[in-house]
Amino acid sequence: MLLLLLGIIVLHVTVLVLLFVSTIVSQWLVSDEHAADLWQNCTTGPSFHCVASSSNEWLQSVQAMMILSVIFSVL
């Protein structure tokens, strides 16, 4: 029983770490001239230019759910 509880705790800590990393890390999608993540889209052509990526409704809902999941995980 103690081993099962320890396994559950390790699993929960791993999920929390992955949640924080996936929310904070930039550049989820990277190519030669383009990098995109949850918060911004960047182009690396002649000049480096970043714009906010919150123009889509589904992306705004993903951003909100990621923030809410971080808040509720901390609580």
N, C-alpha and C. Protein backbone atom coordinates (compact mmCIF):
# COMPACT_ATOMS: atom_id res chain seq x y z
N MET A 1 0.82 -1.19 0.00
CA MET A 1 0.00 0.00 0.00
C MET A 1 0.86 1.26 0.00
N LEU A 2 1.94 1.23 0.75
CA LEU A 2 2.84 2.37 0.80
C LEU A 2 3.52 2.59 -0.55
N LEU A 3 3.85 1.51 -1.22
CA LEU A 3 4.47 1.62 -2.54
C LEU A 3 3.50 2.22 -3.56
N LEU A 4 2.23 1.87 -3.47
CA LEU A 4 1.22 2.44 -4.35
C LEU A 4 1.06 3.94 -4.10
N LEU A 5 1.04 4.35 -2.85
CA LEU A 5 0.94 5.77 -2.51
C LEU A 5 2.15 6.54 -2.99
N LEU A 6 3.32 5.98 -2.86
CA LEU A 6 4.54 6.62 -3.35
C LEU A 6 4.51 6.76 -4.87
N GLY A 7 4.01 5.76 -5.56
CA GLY A 7 3.89 5.83 -7.01
C GLY A 7 2.92 6.92 -7.45
N ILE A 8 1.82 7.06 -6.74
CA ILE A 8 0.84 8.09 -7.06
C ILE A 8 1.43 9.48 -6.82
N ILE A 9 2.18 9.66 -5.75
CA ILE A 9 2.81 10.94 -5.46
C ILE A 9 3.84 11.29 -6.52
N VAL A 10 4.65 10.33 -6.92
CA VAL A 10 5.65 10.58 -7.97
C VAL A 10 4.97 10.94 -9.29
N LEU A 11 3.89 10.27 -9.61
CA LEU A 11 3.14 10.56 -10.83
C LEU A 11 2.57 11.98 -10.80
N HIS A 12 2.01 12.39 -9.68
CA HIS A 12 1.44 13.73 -9.56
C HIS A 12 2.52 14.81 -9.65
N VAL A 13 3.64 14.59 -9.03
CA VAL A 13 4.73 15.57 -9.11
C VAL A 13 5.24 15.67 -10.55
N THR A 14 5.36 14.56 -11.24
CA THR A 14 5.79 14.56 -12.64
C THR A 14 4.80 15.34 -13.51
N VAL A 15 3.52 15.13 -13.30
CA VAL A 15 2.50 15.84 -14.08
C VAL A 15 2.56 17.34 -13.79
N LEU A 16 2.77 17.72 -12.54
CA LEU A 16 2.88 19.15 -12.21
C LEU A 16 4.07 19.79 -12.89
N VAL A 17 5.20 19.11 -12.90
CA VAL A 17 6.39 19.64 -13.56
C VAL A 17 6.14 19.79 -15.06
N LEU A 18 5.56 18.80 -15.67
CA LEU A 18 5.26 18.88 -17.11
C LEU A 18 4.24 19.99 -17.42
N LEU A 19 3.28 20.20 -16.53
CA LEU A 19 2.31 21.27 -16.72
C LEU A 19 2.99 22.63 -16.68
N PHE A 20 3.85 22.86 -15.68
CA PHE A 20 4.55 24.13 -15.59
C PHE A 20 5.48 24.35 -16.78
N VAL A 21 6.19 23.31 -17.18
CA VAL A 21 7.12 23.45 -18.31
C VAL A 21 6.36 23.74 -19.60
N SER A 22 5.26 23.04 -19.84
CA SER A 22 4.52 23.26 -21.09
C SER A 22 3.84 24.62 -21.12
N THR A 23 3.51 25.18 -19.97
CA THR A 23 2.92 26.51 -19.95
C THR A 23 3.97 27.59 -20.14
N ILE A 24 5.13 27.43 -19.55
CA ILE A 24 6.15 28.47 -19.55
C ILE A 24 7.04 28.44 -20.78
N VAL A 25 7.38 27.26 -21.26
CA VAL A 25 8.38 27.14 -22.32
C VAL A 25 7.92 27.82 -23.61
N SER A 26 8.86 28.40 -24.29
CA SER A 26 8.54 29.03 -25.57
C SER A 26 8.97 28.11 -26.69
N GLN A 27 8.49 28.40 -27.87
CA GLN A 27 8.85 27.69 -29.09
C GLN A 27 8.40 26.23 -29.07
N TRP A 28 7.11 26.06 -29.10
CA TRP A 28 6.56 24.71 -29.24
C TRP A 28 6.76 24.19 -30.64
N LEU A 29 6.63 25.06 -31.62
CA LEU A 29 6.76 24.70 -33.03
C LEU A 29 7.87 25.55 -33.63
N VAL A 30 8.93 24.92 -34.08
CA VAL A 30 10.10 25.65 -34.57
C VAL A 30 10.43 25.18 -35.97
N SER A 31 10.63 26.13 -36.88
CA SER A 31 11.14 25.83 -38.22
C SER A 31 12.28 26.81 -38.49
N ASP A 32 12.77 26.84 -39.71
CA ASP A 32 13.92 27.69 -40.03
C ASP A 32 13.63 29.17 -39.84
N GLU A 33 12.47 29.63 -40.26
CA GLU A 33 12.17 31.06 -40.21
C GLU A 33 10.96 31.39 -39.34
N HIS A 34 10.46 30.44 -38.60
CA HIS A 34 9.25 30.67 -37.82
C HIS A 34 9.32 29.90 -36.51
N ALA A 35 8.89 30.53 -35.42
CA ALA A 35 8.78 29.87 -34.13
C ALA A 35 7.44 30.27 -33.51
N ALA A 36 6.71 29.31 -33.01
CA ALA A 36 5.39 29.59 -32.44
C ALA A 36 5.25 28.87 -31.11
N ASP A 37 4.54 29.50 -30.21
CA ASP A 37 4.22 28.88 -28.94
C ASP A 37 2.82 29.29 -28.51
N LEU A 38 2.51 29.09 -27.27
CA LEU A 38 1.17 29.39 -26.77
C LEU A 38 0.89 30.88 -26.69
N TRP A 39 1.92 31.68 -26.59
CA TRP A 39 1.75 33.10 -26.32
C TRP A 39 2.10 34.02 -27.49
N GLN A 40 3.03 33.62 -28.37
CA GLN A 40 3.43 34.51 -29.46
C GLN A 40 3.95 33.72 -30.65
N ASN A 41 3.90 34.37 -31.81
CA ASN A 41 4.45 33.83 -33.06
C ASN A 41 5.59 34.74 -33.49
N CYS A 42 6.74 34.16 -33.77
CA CYS A 42 7.91 34.95 -34.15
C CYS A 42 8.41 34.52 -35.53
N THR A 43 8.84 35.48 -36.31
CA THR A 43 9.49 35.21 -37.59
C THR A 43 10.92 35.70 -37.51
N THR A 44 11.83 34.93 -38.07
CA THR A 44 13.25 35.26 -37.98
C THR A 44 13.84 35.44 -39.37
N GLY A 45 13.21 36.26 -40.17
CA GLY A 45 13.72 36.56 -41.50
C GLY A 45 14.80 37.62 -41.42
N PRO A 46 14.74 38.65 -42.25
CA PRO A 46 15.72 39.74 -42.18
C PRO A 46 15.68 40.45 -40.83
N SER A 47 14.50 40.50 -40.20
CA SER A 47 14.41 41.09 -38.86
C SER A 47 13.58 40.17 -37.98
N PHE A 48 13.86 40.19 -36.71
CA PHE A 48 13.15 39.35 -35.74
C PHE A 48 11.88 40.07 -35.33
N HIS A 49 10.72 39.46 -35.60
CA HIS A 49 9.44 40.11 -35.35
C HIS A 49 8.51 39.12 -34.64
N CYS A 50 7.95 39.53 -33.49
CA CYS A 50 7.02 38.70 -32.75
C CYS A 50 5.67 39.39 -32.61
N VAL A 51 4.62 38.62 -32.76
CA VAL A 51 3.26 39.13 -32.55
C VAL A 51 2.54 38.19 -31.59
N ALA A 52 1.58 38.73 -30.87
CA ALA A 52 0.79 37.91 -29.96
C ALA A 52 -0.04 36.91 -30.75
N SER A 53 -0.14 35.71 -30.23
CA SER A 53 -0.86 34.65 -30.96
C SER A 53 -2.26 34.44 -30.43
N SER A 54 -2.84 35.43 -29.80
CA SER A 54 -4.17 35.25 -29.21
C SER A 54 -5.29 35.72 -30.12
N SER A 55 -5.13 35.55 -31.41
CA SER A 55 -6.17 35.99 -32.35
C SER A 55 -7.26 34.93 -32.54
N ASN A 56 -6.97 33.70 -32.31
CA ASN A 56 -7.96 32.63 -32.48
C ASN A 56 -8.71 32.39 -31.18
N GLU A 57 -10.00 32.09 -31.29
CA GLU A 57 -10.80 31.82 -30.10
C GLU A 57 -10.36 30.54 -29.41
N TRP A 58 -10.02 29.52 -30.17
CA TRP A 58 -9.61 28.25 -29.55
C TRP A 58 -8.28 28.41 -28.84
N LEU A 59 -7.40 29.26 -29.37
CA LEU A 59 -6.11 29.48 -28.72
C LEU A 59 -6.28 30.26 -27.43
N GLN A 60 -7.20 31.20 -27.41
CA GLN A 60 -7.48 31.93 -26.17
C GLN A 60 -8.07 31.01 -25.11
N SER A 61 -8.88 30.05 -25.52
CA SER A 61 -9.43 29.10 -24.55
C SER A 61 -8.34 28.16 -24.03
N VAL A 62 -7.40 27.78 -24.88
CA VAL A 62 -6.28 26.94 -24.43
C VAL A 62 -5.41 27.71 -23.45
N GLN A 63 -5.15 28.99 -23.74
CA GLN A 63 -4.38 29.81 -22.82
C GLN A 63 -5.07 29.92 -21.46
N ALA A 64 -6.37 30.15 -21.47
CA ALA A 64 -7.12 30.27 -20.22
C ALA A 64 -7.11 28.96 -19.44
N MET A 65 -7.29 27.84 -20.13
CA MET A 65 -7.29 26.55 -19.45
C MET A 65 -5.91 26.20 -18.87
N MET A 66 -4.85 26.58 -19.58
CA MET A 66 -3.50 26.32 -19.06
C MET A 66 -3.26 27.14 -17.78
N ILE A 67 -3.66 28.40 -17.78
CA ILE A 67 -3.48 29.23 -16.60
C ILE A 67 -4.34 28.72 -15.45
N LEU A 68 -5.59 28.36 -15.72
CA LEU A 68 -6.45 27.82 -14.67
C LEU A 68 -5.91 26.50 -14.12
N SER A 69 -5.36 25.67 -14.97
CA SER A 69 -4.82 24.39 -14.48
C SER A 69 -3.60 24.62 -13.60
N VAL A 70 -2.78 25.61 -13.93
CA VAL A 70 -1.63 25.93 -13.07
C VAL A 70 -2.12 26.45 -11.72
N ILE A 71 -3.10 27.34 -11.74
CA ILE A 71 -3.63 27.91 -10.48
C ILE A 71 -4.23 26.83 -9.62
N PHE A 72 -5.08 25.98 -10.19
CA PHE A 72 -5.72 24.93 -9.41
C PHE A 72 -4.72 23.86 -8.95
N SER A 73 -3.67 23.65 -9.70
CA SER A 73 -2.64 22.69 -9.27
C SER A 73 -1.89 23.21 -8.06
N VAL A 74 -1.64 24.51 -8.03
CA VAL A 74 -0.95 25.09 -6.88
C VAL A 74 -1.84 25.05 -5.65
N LEU A 75 -3.14 25.30 -5.85
CA LEU A 75 -4.07 25.26 -4.70
C LEU A 75 -4.20 23.84 -4.18
